[in-house]
Protein backbone atom coordinates (compact mmCIF):
# COMPACT_ATOMS: atom_id res chain seq x y z
CA MET A 1 0.10 -0.40 -0.15
CA VAL A 2 1.21 3.75 -0.71
CA PHE A 3 0.66 6.58 1.38
CA TRP A 4 1.48 10.29 1.00
CA PHE A 5 2.05 12.62 3.85
CA ALA A 6 2.94 15.65 4.07
CA GLU A 7 5.44 18.08 6.35
CA SER A 8 5.52 21.63 6.17
CA ASN A 9 6.43 23.81 9.33
CA ASN A 10 7.12 26.73 7.26
CA LEU A 11 10.07 25.77 6.27
CA PRO A 12 12.61 28.35 3.71
CA LEU A 13 11.44 27.49 0.14
CA ASN A 14 14.65 26.44 -1.14
CA CYS A 15 15.11 23.48 1.89
CA THR A 16 14.27 20.10 1.84
CA GLN A 17 12.82 17.95 4.25
CA THR A 18 13.99 14.50 3.95
CA CYS A 19 12.22 10.97 4.44
CA PRO A 20 13.47 9.65 7.82
CA PHE A 21 14.19 5.95 6.26
CA HIS A 22 17.21 6.96 3.90
CA LYS A 23 19.43 9.83 2.36
CA PRO A 24 17.90 12.37 -0.07
CA ASN A 25 17.54 11.43 -3.15
CA PRO A 26 19.54 13.62 -5.51
CA SER A 27 17.31 13.21 -8.18
CA LEU A 28 14.33 14.70 -6.14
CA SER A 29 14.21 18.14 -5.43
CA ILE A 30 11.91 20.86 -3.93
CA SER A 31 9.97 22.67 -6.85
CA THR A 32 10.51 26.48 -7.09
CA GLN A 33 8.06 26.59 -9.55
CA LEU A 34 5.06 29.62 -8.72
CA GLY A 35 1.62 28.78 -9.95
CA PRO A 36 -1.33 26.65 -10.42
CA ILE A 37 -0.47 22.72 -9.24
CA HIS A 38 -1.93 20.34 -11.05
CA SER A 39 0.58 17.19 -10.99
CA LEU A 40 3.66 16.51 -9.06
CA GLN A 41 6.99 15.56 -11.06
CA PRO A 42 10.47 15.11 -9.86
CA ASN A 43 12.89 16.89 -11.70
CA THR A 44 15.40 14.86 -13.97
CA ALA A 45 19.04 14.33 -13.49
CA LYS A 46 19.81 16.95 -16.13
CA SER A 47 18.55 19.83 -14.64
CA GLN A 48 17.91 20.71 -11.38
CA LYS A 49 14.97 23.42 -12.42
CA SER A 50 11.30 22.80 -11.98
CA HIS A 51 8.91 21.08 -14.26
CA VAL A 52 5.90 22.90 -15.44
CA LEU A 53 3.20 20.71 -13.79
CA LYS A 54 0.91 18.90 -16.29
CA ASN A 55 -2.32 17.57 -15.96
CA GLN A 56 -2.32 13.55 -14.91
CA ALA A 57 -5.30 11.20 -14.00
CA HIS A 58 -4.49 11.26 -10.45
CA PRO A 59 -3.90 14.44 -8.49
CA PHE A 60 -0.86 12.54 -7.25
CA PRO A 61 0.42 10.10 -9.25
CA GLN A 62 2.59 7.11 -8.06
CA PRO A 63 6.35 7.97 -8.36
CA PRO A 64 9.10 5.00 -8.97
CA ILE A 65 10.61 3.63 -6.03
CA PRO A 66 14.05 5.20 -5.50
CA THR A 67 16.99 3.01 -6.71
CA SER A 68 20.31 2.43 -5.33
CA PRO A 69 22.89 4.54 -6.95
CA ARG A 70 24.55 1.59 -8.23
CA SER A 71 22.08 -0.46 -9.61
CA SER A 72 18.52 -0.20 -11.52
CA GLU A 73 16.70 -2.18 -8.80
CA PRO A 74 15.03 -1.06 -5.93
CA ASN A 75 16.71 0.02 -2.95
CA ARG A 76 15.64 -2.86 -0.78
CA ARG A 77 18.28 -2.13 2.15
CA ASN A 78 14.76 -0.91 4.20
CA PRO A 79 12.91 -3.84 5.09
CA VAL A 80 9.90 -1.82 6.09
CA ALA A 81 9.58 0.79 3.48
CA HIS A 82 10.54 2.80 0.80
CA CYS A 83 10.20 6.49 0.64
CA SER A 84 10.21 9.21 -2.15
CA GLU A 85 9.83 13.11 -1.98
CA ARG A 86 7.43 15.78 -4.11
CA SER A 87 7.24 19.18 -2.92
CA LEU A 88 4.53 21.49 -3.86
CA LEU A 89 3.30 24.92 -2.83
CA LEU A 90 0.34 25.82 -0.73
CA GLY A 91 -0.90 28.90 0.52
CA GLY A 92 2.96 30.44 0.04
CA CYS A 93 4.32 27.63 1.91
CA ARG A 94 6.52 24.83 0.51
CA VAL A 95 4.94 21.48 1.33
CA VAL A 96 6.98 18.13 1.00
CA LEU A 97 4.72 15.02 0.27
CA THR A 98 6.63 12.02 1.05
CA MET A 99 5.25 8.43 0.05
CA LEU A 100 5.42 5.50 1.98
CA GLU A 101 5.64 2.00 0.38
CA ALA A 102 4.81 -0.54 2.51
CA LEU A 103 6.54 -4.28 1.56
CA PRO A 104 4.82 -7.24 1.25
CA LEU A 105 4.01 -9.13 4.75
CA GLY A 106 6.20 -12.42 3.96
CA ARG A 107 9.16 -10.38 3.27
CA PHE A 108 8.29 -8.70 6.71
CA HIS A 109 8.38 -11.33 8.46
CA HIS A 110 12.00 -12.92 7.01
CA GLN A 111 13.50 -9.69 8.15
CA ARG A 112 12.49 -9.04 12.05
CA LEU A 113 16.14 -8.09 12.92
CA ASP A 114 16.39 -5.07 10.52
CA LEU A 115 12.93 -4.12 11.34
CA LYS A 116 14.19 -3.95 15.33
CA ARG A 117 17.19 -1.74 14.02
CA CYS A 118 15.04 0.99 11.77
CA PHE A 119 12.17 1.48 14.74
CA PRO A 120 13.86 3.43 17.20
CA THR A 121 15.25 5.29 14.48
CA PHE A 122 11.63 5.79 13.44
CA LEU A 123 10.21 6.94 16.70
CA SER A 124 13.55 9.08 17.17
CA SER A 125 11.62 12.49 15.59
CA HIS A 126 8.72 14.05 16.55
CA LYS A 127 7.43 14.83 12.87
CA THR A 128 7.70 11.17 12.16
CA LEU A 129 5.36 10.51 14.84
CA PHE A 130 2.91 13.09 13.90
CA THR A 131 3.11 11.56 10.30
CA VAL A 132 2.58 8.00 11.51
CA LEU A 133 -0.98 9.55 13.35
CA TRP A 134 -1.54 11.26 10.21
CA ILE A 135 -1.61 8.37 7.79
CA ALA A 136 -3.89 6.38 10.50
CA ALA A 137 -6.29 9.22 10.14
CA PHE A 138 -6.02 9.25 6.36
CA ALA A 139 -6.64 5.42 5.94
CA SER A 140 -9.52 6.11 8.21
CA VAL A 141 -10.95 8.44 5.74
CA PHE A 142 -10.61 6.05 3.01
CA VAL A 143 -11.95 3.17 4.46
CA TRP A 144 -15.17 5.38 5.24
CA GLN A 145 -15.09 6.42 2.29
CA ARG A 146 -15.69 3.12 0.07
CA ASN A 147 -18.38 1.94 2.18
CA ILE A 148 -19.82 4.97 0.64
CA VAL A 149 -21.95 4.80 -2.94
CA ASP A 150 -19.50 6.57 -4.38
CA GLY A 151 -16.46 5.15 -2.59
CA PHE A 152 -12.98 5.43 -3.75
CA SER A 153 -13.11 9.34 -4.13
CA ILE A 154 -11.91 11.54 -1.23
CA PHE A 155 -13.12 14.61 -2.68
CA ARG A 156 -16.93 13.85 -3.15
CA ARG A 157 -19.04 16.50 -4.29
CA ALA A 158 -21.32 18.36 -2.25
CA PRO A 159 -24.56 17.03 -1.28
CA ALA A 160 -27.08 18.69 -3.52
CA ARG A 161 -29.22 21.89 -2.59
CA GLU A 162 -32.18 21.61 -1.17
CA MET A 163 -35.23 22.41 -3.21
CA PRO A 164 -36.96 25.27 -1.62
CA LYS A 165 -40.95 25.38 -1.41
CA LEU A 166 -42.40 27.73 -3.04
CA ARG A 167 -45.87 27.16 -3.36
CA PRO A 168 -48.43 25.58 -0.42
CA VAL A 169 -47.79 21.88 -1.61
CA ALA A 170 -44.98 20.52 -3.67
CA PHE A 171 -44.56 17.03 -5.21
CA ASN A 172 -41.67 15.64 -6.94
CA LEU A 173 -41.65 14.11 -10.29
CA THR A 174 -40.59 10.39 -9.07
CA GLU A 175 -43.92 10.38 -7.16
CA PHE A 176 -45.54 9.64 -10.42
CA GLY A 177 -43.49 7.04 -11.76
CA ALA A 178 -40.91 9.27 -13.64
CA VAL A 179 -37.36 7.50 -13.89
CA GLY A 180 -34.56 9.69 -14.87
CA ASP A 181 -32.55 7.63 -17.16
CA GLY A 182 -32.41 9.44 -20.11
CA VAL A 183 -34.10 6.89 -21.96
CA THR A 184 -37.94 6.14 -19.84
CA LEU A 185 -40.48 8.47 -21.45
CA ASN A 186 -41.79 10.49 -19.01
CA THR A 187 -44.79 12.22 -20.50
CA GLU A 188 -47.28 10.54 -18.46
CA ALA A 189 -45.65 11.51 -15.13
CA PHE A 190 -45.42 15.14 -16.34
CA GLU A 191 -49.30 14.73 -16.88
CA LYS A 192 -50.06 13.40 -13.93
CA ALA A 193 -48.32 16.17 -11.36
CA VAL A 194 -49.85 18.79 -13.68
CA LEU A 195 -53.02 17.58 -13.23
CA ALA A 196 -52.91 17.39 -9.68
CA ILE A 197 -51.13 20.76 -9.28
CA SER A 198 -54.34 22.31 -11.02
CA LYS A 199 -56.35 20.92 -8.37
CA LEU A 200 -54.84 23.10 -5.79
CA GLY A 201 -55.20 26.56 -7.77
CA LYS A 202 -57.48 27.62 -5.13
CA LYS A 203 -54.90 27.27 -2.16
CA GLY A 204 -52.39 29.01 -3.85
CA GLY A 205 -51.18 26.32 -6.62
CA GLY A 206 -48.49 23.72 -6.27
CA GLN A 207 -44.48 23.48 -7.45
CA LEU A 208 -43.50 20.20 -9.32
CA ASN A 209 -39.98 19.52 -8.25
CA VAL A 210 -37.38 17.77 -11.38
CA PRO A 211 -34.70 16.35 -9.20
CA PRO A 212 -31.21 15.35 -11.08
CA GLY A 213 -31.44 13.45 -13.65
CA ARG A 214 -32.31 13.36 -17.39
CA TRP A 215 -36.38 13.20 -17.95
CA LEU A 216 -37.26 12.37 -21.30
CA THR A 217 -40.50 13.58 -22.04
CA ALA A 218 -42.62 14.39 -25.22
CA PRO A 219 -44.14 17.82 -24.87
CA PHE A 220 -46.86 18.28 -22.01
CA ASN A 221 -48.83 21.74 -20.87
CA LEU A 222 -48.52 23.71 -17.57
CA THR A 223 -51.48 24.72 -15.59
CA SER A 224 -52.32 28.07 -13.58
CA HIS A 225 -50.60 29.00 -9.82
CA MET A 226 -48.01 26.23 -11.08
CA THR A 227 -43.86 26.34 -10.08
CA LEU A 228 -41.86 23.91 -11.94
CA PHE A 229 -38.40 23.79 -10.62
CA LEU A 230 -35.63 22.46 -12.00
CA ALA A 231 -32.99 21.19 -9.35
CA GLU A 232 -28.82 21.48 -10.32
CA ASP A 233 -28.11 18.52 -12.63
CA ALA A 234 -31.63 18.00 -13.82
CA GLU A 235 -32.40 17.96 -17.19
CA ILE A 236 -35.74 17.65 -19.19
CA LEU A 237 -35.23 16.24 -23.04
CA GLY A 238 -37.62 17.00 -25.74
CA ILE A 239 -38.46 13.35 -27.61
CA GLN A 240 -36.90 13.94 -31.18
CA ASP A 241 -39.47 11.60 -33.08
CA GLU A 242 -41.96 14.26 -34.46
CA LYS A 243 -44.85 11.65 -33.84
CA TYR A 244 -44.78 12.58 -30.04
CA TRP A 245 -44.99 16.17 -30.99
CA PRO A 246 -48.60 17.28 -31.51
CA LEU A 247 -49.93 19.81 -33.82
CA MET A 248 -51.60 23.08 -33.15
CA PRO A 249 -53.33 25.55 -35.20
CA PRO A 250 -51.35 28.38 -36.76
CA LEU A 251 -50.55 31.56 -34.45
CA PRO A 252 -53.54 33.83 -35.70
CA SER A 253 -51.50 36.64 -36.25
CA TYR A 254 -49.00 34.59 -38.79
CA GLY A 255 -51.85 33.30 -40.76
CA TYR A 256 -51.38 30.21 -42.41
CA GLY A 257 -48.02 29.19 -40.69
CA ARG A 258 -44.57 30.44 -40.30
CA GLU A 259 -42.48 27.98 -42.38
CA HIS A 260 -45.55 25.87 -44.30
CA HIS A 261 -49.15 26.22 -44.29
CA GLY A 262 -51.34 24.13 -42.40
CA PRO A 263 -50.99 23.11 -38.65
CA ARG A 264 -47.81 23.69 -36.66
CA PHE A 265 -45.89 21.51 -33.93
CA GLY A 266 -46.29 22.61 -30.14
CA SER A 267 -43.68 23.19 -28.05
CA LEU A 268 -41.84 21.18 -25.77
CA ILE A 269 -43.54 23.21 -22.49
CA HIS A 270 -46.67 24.96 -23.10
CA GLY A 271 -49.20 26.71 -21.58
CA GLN A 272 -52.47 28.69 -22.51
CA ASN A 273 -54.86 31.37 -21.11
CA LEU A 274 -52.76 30.74 -18.09
CA LYS A 275 -52.17 32.98 -14.77
CA ASP A 276 -49.15 32.47 -12.32
CA ILE A 277 -46.76 30.34 -13.82
CA VAL A 278 -43.22 30.42 -12.55
CA ILE A 279 -40.33 28.30 -14.46
CA THR A 280 -37.39 28.34 -11.97
CA GLY A 281 -34.44 26.29 -10.43
CA HIS A 282 -30.78 25.97 -9.24
CA ASN A 283 -29.84 26.13 -12.82
CA GLY A 284 -31.55 22.84 -14.46
CA THR A 285 -31.53 22.45 -18.17
CA ILE A 286 -34.61 22.36 -20.50
CA ASN A 287 -33.09 20.56 -23.68
CA GLY A 288 -34.84 20.43 -27.09
CA GLN A 289 -32.30 18.15 -28.86
CA GLY A 290 -33.04 20.06 -31.84
CA GLN A 291 -30.43 18.28 -33.78
CA THR A 292 -32.60 16.18 -35.54
CA TRP A 293 -34.88 19.19 -36.24
CA TRP A 294 -32.43 21.37 -37.66
CA LYS A 295 -31.32 18.29 -40.22
CA LYS A 296 -34.87 17.98 -41.39
CA TYR A 297 -35.58 21.26 -42.11
CA ARG A 298 -32.42 21.47 -43.88
CA GLN A 299 -33.53 18.78 -46.04
CA LYS A 300 -36.77 19.85 -46.33
CA LEU A 301 -38.43 16.90 -44.85
CA LEU A 302 -40.94 18.51 -42.26
CA ASN A 303 -44.45 19.45 -43.35
CA ASN A 304 -45.31 21.76 -40.72
CA THR A 305 -43.39 24.37 -38.96
CA ARG A 306 -41.28 23.57 -36.14
CA GLY A 307 -42.20 23.97 -32.54
CA PRO A 308 -40.64 26.20 -29.39
CA LEU A 309 -39.07 25.03 -26.83
CA VAL A 310 -41.58 26.87 -24.45
CA GLN A 311 -44.15 28.85 -25.51
CA ILE A 312 -46.64 30.53 -22.90
CA MET A 313 -49.69 32.40 -25.11
CA TRP A 314 -52.58 34.05 -23.52
CA SER A 315 -51.47 34.22 -20.33
CA SER A 316 -49.79 36.70 -17.49
CA ASP A 317 -47.96 37.07 -14.14
CA ILE A 318 -45.08 34.88 -15.63
CA LEU A 319 -41.89 34.24 -14.17
CA ILE A 320 -38.78 32.48 -15.55
CA SER A 321 -35.79 32.57 -14.07
CA ASN A 322 -32.42 30.89 -13.00
CA ILE A 323 -32.50 28.07 -15.38
CA THR A 324 -30.93 27.12 -18.98
CA LEU A 325 -32.87 26.27 -22.38
CA ARG A 326 -30.76 24.99 -24.97
CA ASP A 327 -30.75 23.51 -28.53
CA SER A 328 -34.41 24.42 -29.38
CA PRO A 329 -36.14 23.20 -32.65
CA PHE A 330 -36.92 26.41 -33.20
CA TRP A 331 -37.30 29.82 -31.45
CA THR A 332 -36.39 29.05 -27.55
CA LEU A 333 -38.90 30.59 -25.19
CA HIS A 334 -42.01 32.20 -27.09
CA PRO A 335 -44.27 34.27 -24.83
CA TYR A 336 -47.42 35.02 -27.09
CA ASP A 337 -50.16 37.66 -26.37
CA CYS A 338 -49.22 37.64 -22.81
CA LYS A 339 -48.93 40.39 -19.77
CA ASN A 340 -46.25 40.86 -16.77
CA ILE A 341 -43.71 38.55 -17.94
CA THR A 342 -40.48 38.34 -16.02
CA VAL A 343 -37.28 36.48 -17.41
CA ARG A 344 -34.59 36.98 -15.35
CA ASN A 345 -31.02 35.00 -14.81
CA VAL A 346 -31.45 32.27 -17.78
CA THR A 347 -28.79 31.12 -20.16
CA ILE A 348 -30.05 30.10 -23.65
CA LEU A 349 -27.74 28.35 -25.74
CA ALA A 350 -27.48 26.86 -29.13
CA PRO A 351 -24.86 26.10 -31.78
CA VAL A 352 -24.05 29.61 -33.59
CA LEU A 353 -24.22 28.03 -37.01
CA GLU A 354 -26.31 25.30 -38.34
CA ALA A 355 -29.00 25.79 -36.12
CA PRO A 356 -31.33 27.80 -37.91
CA ASN A 357 -34.13 30.02 -36.28
CA THR A 358 -33.16 28.81 -32.90
CA ASP A 359 -33.81 32.73 -31.54
CA GLY A 360 -33.21 33.15 -27.64
CA ILE A 361 -36.41 34.97 -26.38
CA ASP A 362 -39.14 36.34 -28.80
CA PRO A 363 -41.44 38.59 -27.26
CA ASP A 364 -44.88 38.61 -29.52
CA SER A 365 -47.67 40.80 -28.76
CA CYS A 366 -46.58 40.81 -25.14
CA GLU A 367 -46.72 43.99 -22.95
CA ASP A 368 -45.10 44.98 -19.49
CA MET A 369 -42.03 42.55 -19.87
CA VAL A 370 -38.52 42.74 -18.20
CA ILE A 371 -35.71 39.99 -19.95
CA GLU A 372 -32.55 41.48 -17.89
CA ASP A 373 -29.10 39.20 -16.44
CA CYS A 374 -29.23 36.98 -19.32
CA TYR A 375 -26.37 35.15 -21.37
CA ILE A 376 -27.67 34.45 -24.82
CA SER A 377 -25.72 32.30 -27.72
CA VAL A 378 -27.81 31.09 -30.44
CA GLY A 379 -27.98 30.06 -33.90
CA ASP A 380 -29.95 33.54 -34.64
CA ASP A 381 -31.26 36.60 -33.04
CA ALA A 382 -30.41 36.43 -29.38
CA ILE A 383 -33.56 38.36 -28.77
CA ALA A 384 -36.20 39.19 -31.37
CA ILE A 385 -39.34 41.50 -30.64
CA LYS A 386 -42.57 40.70 -32.61
CA SER A 387 -46.13 41.43 -32.87
CA GLY A 388 -47.33 39.84 -36.46
CA TRP A 389 -47.33 38.71 -39.99
CA ASP A 390 -48.39 41.72 -42.35
CA GLN A 391 -52.10 41.24 -43.05
CA TYR A 392 -52.55 38.75 -40.36
CA GLY A 393 -50.55 40.73 -37.72
CA ILE A 394 -52.38 44.23 -38.78
CA SER A 395 -55.75 42.23 -38.28
CA TYR A 396 -54.92 41.01 -35.10
CA GLY A 397 -53.69 44.11 -34.14
CA ARG A 398 -51.78 43.39 -30.41
CA PRO A 399 -48.72 45.35 -30.50
CA SER A 400 -45.53 44.86 -28.35
CA LYS A 401 -44.89 47.79 -25.90
CA ASN A 402 -43.48 48.30 -22.51
CA ILE A 403 -40.27 46.01 -22.92
CA LEU A 404 -37.01 46.71 -20.80
CA ILE A 405 -34.35 44.30 -21.78
CA ARG A 406 -30.97 45.17 -19.69
CA ASN A 407 -27.68 43.83 -18.40
CA LEU A 408 -27.12 41.18 -21.03
CA VAL A 409 -24.59 39.21 -22.94
CA VAL A 410 -25.62 38.03 -26.21
CA ARG A 411 -23.75 36.37 -29.54
CA SER A 412 -25.38 35.71 -32.66
CA MET A 413 -22.94 35.09 -35.84
CA VAL A 414 -26.06 34.53 -38.28
CA SER A 415 -28.37 37.52 -37.16
CA ALA A 416 -28.44 39.98 -34.94
CA GLY A 417 -28.04 40.69 -31.09
CA VAL A 418 -31.50 42.41 -30.13
CA SER A 419 -33.87 42.53 -33.15
CA ILE A 420 -36.98 44.27 -33.99
CA GLY A 421 -39.11 42.81 -36.40
CA SER A 422 -39.34 41.97 -39.14
CA GLU A 423 -42.86 40.37 -38.26
CA MET A 424 -44.02 43.73 -36.43
CA SER A 425 -47.04 44.37 -38.11
CA GLY A 426 -49.05 44.94 -34.54
CA GLY A 427 -46.93 47.67 -33.72
CA VAL A 428 -43.76 48.00 -31.06
CA SER A 429 -43.24 50.87 -28.91
CA ASN A 430 -41.91 52.13 -25.42
CA VAL A 431 -38.79 49.47 -25.56
CA THR A 432 -35.69 50.32 -23.56
CA VAL A 433 -31.99 48.29 -24.30
CA GLU A 434 -29.39 49.19 -21.88
CA ASN A 435 -26.42 47.65 -20.95
CA LEU A 436 -25.78 45.08 -23.69
CA LEU A 437 -22.91 43.41 -24.71
CA VAL A 438 -22.96 41.88 -28.28
CA TRP A 439 -19.75 39.99 -28.67
CA SER A 440 -18.52 37.81 -32.11
CA SER A 441 -21.82 38.57 -33.93
CA ARG A 442 -22.92 39.33 -37.71
CA ARG A 443 -24.89 42.43 -36.20
CA ALA A 444 -25.90 43.88 -32.93
CA VAL A 445 -28.79 45.64 -32.76
CA ARG A 446 -31.17 45.63 -35.53
CA ILE A 447 -34.53 46.95 -36.93
CA LYS A 448 -36.27 45.15 -39.80
CA THR A 449 -39.23 45.65 -41.50
CA ALA A 450 -40.26 45.99 -45.17
CA PRO A 451 -43.70 47.42 -46.99
CA GLY A 452 -46.57 45.24 -46.54
CA ARG A 453 -45.95 45.03 -42.76
CA GLY A 454 -48.02 48.25 -41.93
CA GLY A 455 -47.37 48.99 -38.07
CA TYR A 456 -45.13 51.02 -36.43
CA VAL A 457 -41.37 51.17 -34.28
CA ARG A 458 -41.46 54.16 -32.51
CA GLN A 459 -40.11 55.22 -29.11
CA ILE A 460 -37.12 53.18 -28.97
CA THR A 461 -33.99 53.44 -26.43
CA TYR A 462 -30.64 51.96 -26.45
CA ARG A 463 -28.21 52.99 -23.86
CA ASN A 464 -24.60 51.59 -22.87
CA LEU A 465 -24.18 49.24 -25.60
CA THR A 466 -21.35 47.92 -26.16
CA PHE A 467 -19.93 46.03 -29.92
CA ASP A 468 -16.97 43.62 -29.48
CA ASN A 469 -16.08 42.24 -32.76
CA VAL A 470 -19.06 42.62 -34.48
CA ARG A 471 -19.55 43.07 -38.64
CA VAL A 472 -22.34 45.83 -38.32
CA GLY A 473 -23.16 47.65 -35.20
CA ILE A 474 -26.69 49.55 -35.79
CA VAL A 475 -28.70 48.61 -38.39
CA ILE A 476 -32.29 49.67 -39.47
CA LYS A 477 -33.22 47.50 -42.45
CA THR A 478 -36.72 48.56 -44.46
CA ASP A 479 -36.74 45.76 -47.33
CA TYR A 480 -37.03 42.90 -45.45
CA ASN A 481 -38.91 41.17 -48.15
CA GLU A 482 -40.59 38.10 -46.87
CA HIS A 483 -44.11 37.74 -46.46
CA PRO A 484 -46.28 34.81 -45.61
CA ASP A 485 -48.39 34.85 -49.14
CA GLU A 486 -49.29 36.87 -51.74
CA GLY A 487 -52.44 38.90 -50.15
CA TYR A 488 -50.57 41.31 -48.35
CA ASP A 489 -50.88 44.93 -48.89
CA ARG A 490 -48.59 46.55 -50.55
CA LYS A 491 -49.30 49.83 -49.22
CA ALA A 492 -49.16 48.95 -45.85
CA LEU A 493 -46.17 50.70 -45.00
CA PRO A 494 -44.57 50.83 -41.49
CA VAL A 495 -43.40 54.03 -39.16
CA LEU A 496 -40.31 54.06 -38.17
CA GLU A 497 -39.38 56.74 -35.45
CA ASP A 498 -38.43 58.27 -32.04
CA ILE A 499 -35.25 55.86 -31.86
CA SER A 500 -32.05 57.05 -29.74
CA PHE A 501 -28.60 55.45 -29.22
CA THR A 502 -26.58 57.36 -26.43
CA SER A 503 -23.04 55.55 -25.13
CA VAL A 504 -22.05 53.14 -27.74
CA HIS A 505 -18.74 51.99 -27.78
CA GLY A 506 -16.87 49.11 -28.91
CA GLN A 507 -13.73 47.34 -30.92
CA GLY A 508 -13.24 45.18 -34.35
CA VAL A 509 -16.57 46.95 -35.86
CA ARG A 510 -16.40 46.92 -39.54
CA VAL A 511 -19.70 49.21 -40.08
CA PRO A 512 -20.66 50.88 -36.99
CA VAL A 513 -23.97 52.23 -38.58
CA ARG A 514 -26.32 51.31 -41.15
CA ILE A 515 -29.38 52.88 -41.66
CA HIS A 516 -31.55 51.96 -44.80
CA GLY A 517 -34.48 53.82 -44.97
CA SER A 518 -36.06 54.50 -48.07
CA GLU A 519 -38.49 57.24 -49.80
CA GLU A 520 -41.85 55.12 -48.84
CA ILE A 521 -40.49 54.30 -45.29
CA PRO A 522 -38.21 57.21 -43.93
CA VAL A 523 -36.63 56.70 -40.72
CA ARG A 524 -37.53 60.09 -38.57
CA ASN A 525 -36.02 61.34 -35.36
CA VAL A 526 -33.05 59.62 -34.67
CA THR A 527 -30.45 60.84 -32.10
CA PHE A 528 -26.71 59.80 -31.91
CA ARG A 529 -25.01 61.00 -28.28
CA ASP A 530 -21.59 59.57 -26.64
CA MET A 531 -20.64 57.32 -29.26
CA SER A 532 -17.07 56.13 -29.82
CA VAL A 533 -16.58 52.86 -31.76
CA GLY A 534 -13.01 51.47 -32.72
CA LEU A 535 -13.45 50.35 -36.42
CA THR A 536 -11.93 47.50 -38.38
CA TYR A 537 -12.00 48.97 -41.79
CA LYS A 538 -11.16 52.28 -42.03
CA LYS A 539 -13.44 53.47 -45.14
CA LYS A 540 -15.05 56.74 -45.61
CA HIS A 541 -18.85 55.42 -45.63
CA ILE A 542 -18.42 53.86 -42.76
CA PHE A 543 -21.82 55.24 -41.00
CA GLN A 544 -24.28 54.55 -43.42
CA CYS A 545 -27.19 56.28 -44.03
CA ALA A 546 -30.21 56.64 -46.39
CA PHE A 547 -33.94 58.86 -46.04
CA VAL A 548 -33.11 59.40 -42.63
CA GLN A 549 -33.93 62.29 -40.49
CA GLY A 550 -32.23 63.05 -36.88
CA ARG A 551 -29.55 64.77 -34.94
CA VAL A 552 -25.98 64.23 -33.54
CA ILE A 553 -25.44 65.78 -29.68
CA GLY A 554 -21.97 66.42 -29.09
CA THR A 555 -19.08 64.38 -31.01
CA ILE A 556 -19.16 60.93 -32.03
CA PHE A 557 -16.81 59.07 -33.80
CA PRO A 558 -16.75 57.64 -36.21
CA ALA A 559 -17.96 60.93 -38.21
CA PRO A 560 -21.65 60.67 -38.83
CA CYS A 561 -23.16 61.33 -42.07
CA GLU A 562 -24.58 64.16 -43.51
CA ASN A 563 -28.33 63.29 -43.07
CA LEU A 564 -28.02 64.43 -39.97
CA ASP A 565 -28.14 67.42 -38.11
CA ARG A 566 -25.40 68.51 -35.47
CA TYR A 567 -25.64 69.55 -32.26
CA ASP A 568 -23.35 70.60 -29.71
CA GLU A 569 -23.18 69.17 -25.96
CA GLN A 570 -25.51 72.08 -24.67
CA GLY A 571 -28.00 71.15 -26.99
CA LYS A 572 -27.13 74.30 -29.13
CA LEU A 573 -27.72 73.78 -33.23
CA VAL A 574 -24.10 73.62 -35.28
CA ASN A 575 -25.56 72.07 -38.47
CA HIS A 576 -28.72 71.45 -40.20
CA SER A 577 -28.71 69.00 -42.54
CA ALA A 578 -29.68 69.73 -46.25
CA SER A 579 -29.18 66.41 -47.44
CA GLN A 580 -31.67 64.08 -45.51
CA ASN A 581 -32.83 61.66 -48.67
CA MET A 582 -29.01 61.16 -49.34
CA THR A 583 -28.15 57.37 -50.18
CA ASP A 584 -24.82 56.39 -49.05
CA ILE A 585 -25.05 52.31 -48.43
CA ASP A 586 -22.78 50.01 -49.33
CA TYR A 587 -23.74 46.22 -48.52
CA ASP A 588 -20.06 45.37 -50.04
CA PHE A 589 -17.98 45.49 -46.97
């Protein structure tokens, strides 16, 4: 058996603490390398300098038995044990680790006389006596650990956090027969649990706890006054076989369907006409396993629009917090025609490439919503505010309004960090985006629309934006010509006005601003203030404008387009633009 024990006694950094059983081995020295400690390596005979510590399978690898200077055979002069030494720096104190390897019992009996000579020497040092006690304690812990379920591991994981009780009544998913092995289909267990909670509405509702495990399920519905709580290491998995996903009517504000005419697939977690819904946890995960859906979509093998991961419709008082959403088949989180929604401390993930239309959060005809303290990296828009599509959205007539987005880190290599539109036919107003970092993305913030959309985008405030390695920073586009069918009204022109950008900074940006209004859809009353963006390409027309009216207050970098009026820091007009309809758009870079 091999034991490691430590001696420190606040020794000088370059001193050596030797093993009591033999003379110091000159091939082993105390490391003087400062830095992270991953494993322990003896110095070679060629160099006394410290080796950089390298990762190994075990944090304390067993060194070879020291050999006699005259032989490559192990040193057998000591009948009780062999020693070797390693060292590391802990808390500023150099610690020597000594390995004691006990010889087989048979050899011990054959050499009793040698043991009597060595034993007094062994006890002559009080430090060694301390070492023996330390070894005994270590061995006791080791034996105890072997009797635990996860035995052999001295450094066990901390116990799982207890799930708090947030409702008068709490259930565990396993009470309904669920098995978290990633293979057993648990749809029936989820449905039974939701049914039990649905009967508790007058008593304050109920809580469904999802414990650690991988819980495979087909789509299921939530109920009012319900809390779905995902423990740490709990993962709800969406089944990949599309036959388990129900078909639903198209959204009324989208007409015949978003990707295909006719019914659409429902979401993995769904709710309609609900009140008081909470999805939270200790950062458990809801995983749509969207890889199969993405592949079928690219191969044109689907006959219906893909379903979101989480979709809640015609509901109010919704809280989604402290969870991870990942790999949705389609849009990830889609509140539709809802009021009073909070999304906080949520991580949303999907591959940044080859994961089509995996938007992070899509508020759609929603009112009074807060999205804050989130990290989103997906294969489409991180956030896209919507309100219906062309004539269907105009007819449905539900705007998205009173939305606050703050304290986010987002990434989108395909689309944009935060978008408004393009489906905005019911109108979008009173939106604030602040404290936003967009990194390694195609676009940072974008407003997109087209003739036929109708509606409006107004009273939009962007504040404290940071762009890091973004191709285009600010985009307003008025020719996003994608329509549900040929029945849209080409004379239904959207209104874009009252949009402000304050405190915009960044680096590695190719085109800081591209505002592409048109004669049909001009962009009115745009304001820029406090802007300084580091550029990748230093060309003349990197601040691009067309059919835009607005102002620049103070000095900004890069220099703004000539379409905008200039004001000084005190708000006094310096130069009035006579070129508001001037076009300077270049899509070549």
